[in-house]
């Protein structure tokens, strides 16, 4: 009989509490557990044909028995579950979640694996990008660290970082200055405009061997044509080994690969024109073979060159100048001036230190001057 009275009392108290809540009162009642009351509240089901509403002038609490393992579930399997905050709630959050030890809000996939969650400190982790990719459509501000294991792809709009710079494996953009460090290879498929200086401390290579600047030495290799429209200042030597230097001020002024110089205009010498000397020793009947303009000839005894062989080797171009000087201390040298390859109308007898000057006409040497030093 006492159990029935307790049951009736519990029902009456429940009705009173429900009435108070319906009228906006916040009623906290210490639960009076009895087997009957526990059996009544073990399961309460509301099956509404139309929309169902809960109104409370104060707070409404949903909680499980032990506040730990049991859960309060909202099933929106037929449609979405929507929480609306009224416009009047401007000074308080629309939805307030006070977290305990675990995550404040967690979204799981069908395998019960968390794909997005907000932890108790407010940090957001989103790992649920599908194979089709995830997208952030609106403006997103990140004041802390953003960590992603799959990289970030920006298809339009670009990335604007106002402070903090960018740091990645092998890539760094410094804050404020914008100094950029690329540890690996930087590939640029279109045109790049550089308004400041370029510091290539590890050397510079363009199209393989087409253009390169060596590290440390600065040696530069240009495989193609180098065109300079302004003034070039060369503080060191220019080495053109086995190469030509063409069109120096004029299309007819060139350096040959053998070191020869062709001038399209007159040559002006400001001080002296110095000719390096070739030392040449010959015997009777041997031709003189000059390789330079100025040749110092010597013999072992006074001889006259033979008229049966060219006394000066052929194969020289018209206009070449030849200066011969007798380098003997006392022996004379006689050059046939009427035959062979020398035309002077008479033989030339050269004593010690005498000189003879010739010009080539294309086949023979013609006398220009003979100096007798005796």
Protein backbone atom coordinates (compact mmCIF):
# COMPACT_ATOMS: atom_id res chain seq x y z
CA UNK A 1 0.00 0.00 0.00
CA UNK A 2 2.89 2.33 0.81
CA UNK A 3 4.33 1.75 -2.69
CA UNK A 4 1.07 2.96 -4.27
CA UNK A 5 1.13 6.08 -2.13
CA UNK A 6 4.71 6.78 -3.19
CA UNK A 7 3.76 6.28 -6.83
CA UNK A 8 0.79 8.64 -6.52
CA UNK A 9 2.99 11.21 -4.80
CA UNK A 10 5.60 11.00 -7.56
CA UNK A 11 2.97 11.45 -10.24
CA UNK A 12 1.55 14.49 -8.49
CA UNK A 13 4.98 16.05 -8.11
CA UNK A 14 5.75 15.39 -11.79
CA UNK A 15 2.51 17.08 -12.83
CA UNK A 16 3.30 20.09 -10.67
CA UNK A 17 6.83 20.39 -12.06
CA UNK A 18 5.55 20.06 -15.64
CA UNK A 19 3.01 22.80 -15.01
CA UNK A 20 5.64 25.10 -13.53
CA UNK A 21 8.01 24.49 -16.43
CA UNK A 22 5.21 25.12 -18.92
CA UNK A 23 4.68 28.53 -17.31
CA UNK A 24 8.36 29.43 -17.51
CA UNK A 25 9.56 28.45 -14.05
CA UNK A 26 12.98 26.88 -13.61
CA UNK A 27 12.42 24.17 -11.05
CA UNK A 28 15.21 22.02 -9.69
CA UNK A 29 13.89 19.07 -7.70
CA UNK A 30 16.16 16.57 -6.03
CA UNK A 31 15.17 13.18 -7.42
CA UNK A 32 13.44 10.84 -4.97
CA UNK A 33 14.26 7.46 -6.35
CA UNK A 34 11.78 4.64 -5.84
CA UNK A 35 11.39 1.50 -7.92
CA UNK A 36 8.09 2.74 -9.23
CA UNK A 37 9.28 6.26 -10.16
CA UNK A 38 12.37 4.85 -11.79
CA UNK A 39 10.24 2.48 -13.86
CA UNK A 40 8.02 5.38 -15.00
CA UNK A 41 10.88 7.57 -16.24
CA UNK A 42 12.97 4.78 -17.72
CA UNK A 43 11.42 5.52 -21.08
CA UNK A 44 9.25 8.44 -22.19
CA UNK A 45 8.17 8.58 -25.82
CA UNK A 46 6.41 11.43 -27.61
CA UNK A 47 4.90 10.51 -30.97
CA UNK A 48 3.52 13.67 -32.58
CA UNK A 49 1.63 13.52 -35.84
CA UNK A 50 2.40 17.22 -36.48
CA UNK A 51 5.22 19.50 -35.29
CA UNK A 52 6.01 19.24 -31.57
CA UNK A 53 7.20 22.26 -29.55
CA UNK A 54 8.90 22.68 -26.17
CA UNK A 55 8.66 26.10 -24.56
CA UNK A 56 10.42 27.20 -21.40
CA UNK A 57 10.71 30.62 -19.87
CA UNK A 58 13.94 29.53 -18.23
CA UNK A 59 16.57 26.93 -19.00
CA UNK A 60 15.65 23.43 -20.13
CA UNK A 61 18.04 20.62 -19.22
CA UNK A 62 18.50 17.28 -20.95
CA UNK A 63 20.84 14.88 -19.21
CA UNK A 64 21.49 11.19 -18.90
CA UNK A 65 21.43 9.21 -15.67
CA UNK A 66 25.14 8.94 -14.95
CA UNK A 67 26.32 11.97 -16.98
CA UNK A 68 29.16 9.84 -18.37
CA UNK A 69 28.57 6.86 -20.61
CA UNK A 70 24.91 7.34 -21.48
CA UNK A 71 24.09 9.82 -24.20
CA UNK A 72 21.35 12.28 -25.11
CA UNK A 73 20.68 11.65 -28.81
CA UNK A 74 18.93 13.85 -31.42
CA UNK A 75 18.11 11.74 -34.48
CA UNK A 76 17.75 13.69 -37.71
CA UNK A 77 17.99 10.69 -40.02
CA UNK A 78 14.91 11.67 -42.02
CA UNK A 79 16.04 15.25 -42.47
CA UNK A 80 18.44 17.79 -41.06
CA UNK A 81 18.56 18.84 -37.43
CA UNK A 82 18.37 22.65 -37.29
CA UNK A 83 19.04 24.98 -34.35
CA UNK A 84 17.78 28.55 -34.81
CA UNK A 85 18.87 31.46 -32.61
CA UNK A 86 16.34 34.30 -32.52
CA UNK A 87 17.33 37.84 -33.47
CA UNK A 88 16.75 38.98 -29.89
CA UNK A 89 19.67 36.85 -28.69
CA UNK A 90 22.34 39.33 -29.72
CA UNK A 91 24.36 39.46 -26.49
CA UNK A 92 24.59 35.69 -25.98
CA UNK A 93 25.73 32.85 -28.25
CA UNK A 94 23.12 31.13 -30.41
CA UNK A 95 24.43 27.74 -29.34
CA UNK A 96 26.63 27.42 -26.26
CA UNK A 97 28.63 24.24 -25.67
CA UNK A 98 30.53 23.88 -22.42
CA UNK A 99 33.07 21.11 -22.86
CA UNK A 100 34.37 18.74 -20.27
CA UNK A 101 37.40 16.55 -20.75
CA UNK A 102 36.63 15.38 -24.29
CA UNK A 103 35.83 17.25 -27.48
CA UNK A 104 33.23 20.01 -27.32
CA UNK A 105 31.76 19.07 -30.72
CA UNK A 106 32.55 16.04 -32.84
CA UNK A 107 31.37 14.82 -36.25
CA UNK A 108 31.85 11.14 -37.12
CA UNK A 109 31.49 9.21 -40.34
CA UNK A 110 29.51 6.00 -40.75
CA UNK A 111 32.45 4.05 -39.27
CA UNK A 112 32.27 6.18 -36.10
CA UNK A 113 35.60 7.77 -37.00
CA UNK A 114 35.88 11.47 -36.11
CA UNK A 115 36.31 13.55 -39.27
CA UNK A 116 35.85 16.98 -37.71
CA UNK A 117 35.87 18.11 -34.12
CA UNK A 118 36.33 21.11 -31.84
CA UNK A 119 38.27 20.21 -28.73
CA UNK A 120 37.70 21.61 -25.25
CA UNK A 121 40.14 24.48 -25.97
CA UNK A 122 38.36 25.56 -29.17
CA UNK A 123 40.87 24.19 -31.71
CA UNK A 124 39.24 22.95 -34.93
CA UNK A 125 40.50 19.82 -36.68
CA UNK A 126 39.06 18.78 -40.05
CA UNK A 127 40.38 15.57 -41.62
CA UNK A 128 37.36 14.51 -43.59
CA UNK A 129 38.19 15.71 -47.10
CA UNK A 130 36.79 13.22 -49.57
CA UNK A 131 38.55 11.92 -52.68
CA UNK A 132 36.82 14.73 -54.56
CA UNK A 133 38.58 17.29 -52.39
CA UNK A 134 37.36 19.71 -49.78
CA UNK A 135 36.59 23.35 -50.42
CA UNK A 136 36.46 26.51 -48.32
CA UNK A 137 34.08 28.86 -50.11
CA UNK A 138 34.14 31.91 -47.87
CA UNK A 139 36.75 34.08 -46.18
CA UNK A 140 38.65 32.07 -43.58
CA UNK A 141 40.77 33.68 -40.88
CA UNK A 142 43.28 31.50 -39.02
CA UNK A 143 44.98 33.22 -36.10
CA UNK A 144 46.86 30.15 -34.90
CA UNK A 145 48.69 27.32 -36.61
CA UNK A 146 47.21 25.45 -39.59
CA UNK A 147 48.51 21.90 -39.96
CA UNK A 148 47.61 19.75 -42.96
CA UNK A 149 49.03 16.36 -43.90
CA UNK A 150 47.85 16.47 -47.53
CA UNK A 151 48.93 19.97 -48.60
CA UNK A 152 46.81 22.97 -49.60
CA UNK A 153 45.63 23.72 -53.13
CA UNK A 154 44.39 27.22 -54.05
CA UNK A 155 42.63 27.25 -57.44
CA UNK A 156 41.50 30.88 -57.57
CA UNK A 157 41.93 34.04 -55.55
CA UNK A 158 45.43 33.39 -54.26
CA UNK A 159 46.64 33.43 -50.67
CA UNK A 160 47.08 36.65 -48.71
CA UNK A 161 49.30 36.42 -45.64
CA UNK A 162 49.65 39.79 -43.93
CA UNK A 163 51.97 38.74 -41.11
CA UNK A 164 53.99 35.79 -39.97
CA UNK A 165 55.42 34.74 -43.34
CA UNK A 166 55.29 31.26 -44.86
CA UNK A 167 57.41 28.31 -43.75
CA UNK A 168 57.39 24.91 -45.44
CA UNK A 169 59.88 22.10 -45.96
CA UNK A 170 62.60 23.74 -48.06
CA UNK A 171 60.61 26.95 -48.63
CA UNK A 172 60.39 30.09 -46.52
CA UNK A 173 58.96 33.59 -46.98
CA UNK A 174 60.06 35.99 -44.26
CA UNK A 175 57.61 38.31 -42.55
CA UNK A 176 57.86 42.07 -43.32
CA UNK A 177 60.78 41.81 -45.78
CA UNK A 178 59.30 39.06 -47.97
CA UNK A 179 62.74 37.46 -48.38
CA UNK A 180 62.15 34.05 -49.97
CA UNK A 181 64.34 30.98 -49.57
CA UNK A 182 63.85 28.01 -51.91
CA UNK A 183 66.07 25.06 -50.98
CA UNK A 184 65.10 22.93 -53.97
CA UNK A 185 64.41 23.66 -57.63
CA UNK A 186 62.20 26.63 -58.57
CA UNK A 187 60.46 26.09 -61.91
CA UNK A 188 58.76 29.08 -63.56
CA UNK A 189 56.81 28.29 -66.72
CA UNK A 190 55.94 31.86 -67.71
CA UNK A 191 57.62 35.27 -67.65
CA UNK A 192 59.11 36.53 -64.38
CA UNK A 193 59.73 40.23 -63.73
CA UNK A 194 62.44 41.07 -61.19
CA UNK A 195 62.57 44.75 -60.19
CA UNK A 196 65.38 44.30 -57.67
CA UNK A 197 68.77 42.61 -57.59
CA UNK A 198 69.12 38.84 -57.96
CA UNK A 199 71.60 37.14 -55.62
CA UNK A 200 72.48 33.71 -57.05
CA UNK A 201 75.00 32.61 -54.43
CA UNK A 202 75.08 29.05 -55.75
CA UNK A 203 75.71 29.91 -59.39
CA UNK A 204 73.28 30.39 -62.27
CA UNK A 205 72.45 27.97 -65.10
CA UNK A 206 70.05 28.65 -67.99
CA UNK A 207 69.00 25.92 -70.47
CA UNK A 208 71.73 23.52 -69.45
CA UNK A 209 74.99 24.77 -70.94
CA UNK A 210 73.49 27.68 -72.91
CA UNK A 211 74.30 30.14 -70.13
CA UNK A 212 75.93 29.55 -66.77
CA UNK A 213 77.65 31.49 -64.02
CA UNK A 214 79.92 29.36 -61.85
CA UNK A 215 79.69 29.54 -58.08
CA UNK A 216 82.64 31.16 -56.24
CA UNK A 217 84.67 32.03 -59.39
CA UNK A 218 81.88 33.76 -61.31
CA UNK A 219 83.11 32.28 -64.58
CA UNK A 220 80.40 32.87 -67.19
CA UNK A 221 79.72 30.68 -70.22
CA UNK A 222 77.54 31.98 -73.07
CA UNK A 223 77.00 29.35 -75.76
CA UNK A 224 75.04 31.62 -78.08
CA UNK A 225 75.30 35.26 -79.13
CA UNK A 226 75.90 37.93 -76.50
CA UNK A 227 74.53 41.30 -77.56
CA UNK A 228 75.52 44.37 -75.54
CA UNK A 229 73.96 47.65 -76.62
CA UNK A 230 75.66 49.87 -74.03
CA UNK A 231 79.18 50.35 -72.74
CA UNK A 232 80.98 47.32 -71.29
CA UNK A 233 83.78 47.78 -68.77
CA UNK A 234 86.24 44.88 -68.62
CA UNK A 235 88.53 45.15 -65.60
CA UNK A 236 90.37 41.91 -66.40
CA UNK A 237 91.74 40.12 -69.44
CA UNK A 238 89.58 38.79 -72.27
CA UNK A 239 90.54 35.26 -73.32
CA UNK A 240 89.33 34.31 -76.81
CA UNK A 241 91.32 31.12 -77.26
CA UNK A 242 91.01 29.88 -80.86
CA UNK A 243 88.07 32.23 -81.38
CA UNK A 244 87.46 35.27 -83.55
CA UNK A 245 86.51 38.82 -82.64
CA UNK A 246 84.59 40.38 -85.51
CA UNK A 247 83.20 43.75 -86.54
CA UNK A 248 85.10 45.91 -84.06
CA UNK A 249 83.62 49.31 -84.77
CA UNK A 250 83.38 48.33 -88.43
CA UNK A 251 82.43 45.25 -90.41
CA UNK A 252 86.00 45.00 -91.78
CA UNK A 253 87.90 45.11 -88.47
CA UNK A 254 88.44 41.62 -87.10
CA UNK A 255 90.70 39.49 -84.97
CA UNK A 256 91.30 36.08 -86.49
CA UNK A 257 91.39 32.87 -84.48
CA UNK A 258 95.17 32.73 -85.10
CA UNK A 259 95.65 36.15 -83.53
CA UNK A 260 95.74 38.23 -86.71
CA UNK A 261 94.17 41.68 -86.86
CA UNK A 262 92.49 43.18 -89.91
CA UNK A 263 91.78 46.92 -89.82
CA UNK A 264 89.11 48.50 -91.96
CA UNK A 265 90.58 51.94 -91.29
CA UNK A 266 94.06 53.38 -90.64
CA UNK A 267 96.02 52.38 -87.57
CA UNK A 268 97.04 55.19 -85.25
CA UNK A 269 99.86 54.47 -82.81
CA UNK A 270 100.11 56.93 -79.97
CA UNK A 271 103.65 56.08 -78.84
CA UNK A 272 105.71 53.31 -80.42
CA UNK A 273 104.99 50.43 -82.74
CA UNK A 274 107.04 47.56 -81.34
CA UNK A 275 107.88 44.60 -83.53
CA UNK A 276 108.97 41.39 -81.91
CA UNK A 277 112.07 39.90 -83.54
CA UNK A 278 112.50 36.47 -85.12
CA UNK A 279 116.02 35.00 -84.86
CA UNK A 280 116.91 33.00 -87.97
CA UNK A 281 120.20 31.22 -88.81
CA UNK A 282 120.83 29.82 -92.30
CA UNK A 283 123.61 28.42 -94.46
CA UNK A 284 124.65 28.74 -98.12
CA UNK A 285 121.88 27.85 -100.54
CA UNK A 286 119.18 27.85 -97.85
CA UNK A 287 116.17 30.16 -98.11
CA UNK A 288 115.27 32.67 -95.44
CA UNK A 289 111.92 31.69 -93.95
CA UNK A 290 110.41 34.64 -92.08
CA UNK A 291 107.51 34.19 -89.65
CA UNK A 292 107.52 37.78 -88.41
CA UNK A 293 107.98 41.24 -89.91
CA UNK A 294 111.32 41.80 -88.20
CA UNK A 295 113.93 39.04 -88.74
CA UNK A 296 117.48 39.05 -87.37
CA UNK A 297 119.56 36.77 -89.65
CA UNK A 298 122.87 35.20 -88.77
CA UNK A 299 125.32 32.81 -90.48
CA UNK A 300 128.40 30.84 -89.49
CA UNK A 301 130.58 32.54 -92.19
CA UNK A 302 130.36 35.20 -94.87
CA UNK A 303 128.11 33.75 -97.58
CA UNK A 304 126.20 34.78 -100.63
CA UNK A 305 122.76 33.28 -100.95
CA UNK A 306 122.25 30.94 -103.88
CA UNK A 307 120.24 32.17 -106.84
CA UNK A 308 118.95 28.69 -107.58
CA UNK A 309 116.49 28.65 -104.66
CA UNK A 310 114.15 31.35 -103.29
CA UNK A 311 116.23 33.35 -100.88
CA UNK A 312 113.06 34.35 -99.04
CA UNK A 313 110.34 31.76 -98.83
CA UNK A 314 107.21 32.35 -100.91
CA UNK A 315 103.60 32.12 -99.73
CA UNK A 316 103.22 35.62 -98.31
CA UNK A 317 100.38 38.00 -99.06
CA UNK A 318 100.68 41.23 -101.01
CA UNK A 319 101.38 44.19 -98.80
CA UNK A 320 103.33 42.34 -96.12
CA UNK A 321 106.42 44.16 -94.83
CA UNK A 322 109.71 42.40 -94.11
CA UNK A 323 112.72 43.94 -92.36
CA UNK A 324 115.99 41.97 -92.39
CA UNK A 325 118.97 42.87 -90.15
CA UNK A 326 122.42 41.27 -90.24
CA UNK A 327 122.97 40.01 -86.73
CA UNK A 328 126.56 38.83 -87.33
CA UNK A 329 129.35 40.57 -85.45
CA UNK A 330 131.53 40.95 -88.57
CA UNK A 331 130.48 38.51 -91.32
CA UNK A 332 128.65 39.94 -94.30
CA UNK A 333 125.57 38.51 -95.97
CA UNK A 334 124.95 39.02 -99.69
CA UNK A 335 121.40 38.73 -100.97
CA UNK A 336 120.71 38.22 -104.67
CA UNK A 337 118.55 41.16 -105.63
CA UNK A 338 117.98 40.31 -109.30
CA UNK A 339 116.68 36.73 -109.22
CA UNK A 340 114.64 34.33 -107.14
CA UNK A 341 112.04 36.08 -105.08
CA UNK A 342 113.81 39.38 -104.37
CA UNK A 343 113.80 42.30 -106.81
CA UNK A 344 116.13 45.18 -105.95
CA UNK A 345 117.92 45.71 -109.37
CA UNK A 346 121.20 44.69 -107.73
CA UNK A 347 122.60 42.42 -105.09
CA UNK A 348 122.36 43.65 -101.51
CA UNK A 349 125.55 43.38 -99.46
CA UNK A 350 124.70 43.62 -95.76
CA UNK A 351 127.50 44.21 -93.29
CA UNK A 352 127.18 43.80 -89.56
CA UNK A 353 123.97 45.51 -88.26
CA UNK A 354 122.92 46.62 -91.80
CA UNK A 355 119.18 46.44 -92.59
CA UNK A 356 117.04 45.91 -95.69
CA UNK A 357 113.29 46.56 -95.90
CA UNK A 358 110.95 44.87 -98.39
CA UNK A 359 107.28 44.83 -99.35
CA UNK A 360 105.59 41.82 -100.91
CA UNK A 361 103.76 42.32 -104.22
CA UNK A 362 101.97 38.98 -104.07
CA UNK A 363 104.78 36.86 -105.57
CA UNK A 364 108.11 38.65 -104.87
CA UNK A 365 109.75 40.95 -102.34
CA UNK A 366 110.44 44.47 -103.61
CA UNK A 367 113.12 46.61 -101.96
CA UNK A 368 111.94 49.66 -100.01
CA UNK A 369 115.16 50.67 -98.28
CA UNK A 370 118.70 49.48 -97.54
CA UNK A 371 120.68 50.93 -94.63
CA UNK A 372 124.47 50.70 -94.50
CA UNK A 373 125.59 50.91 -90.90
CA UNK A 374 129.37 51.00 -91.69
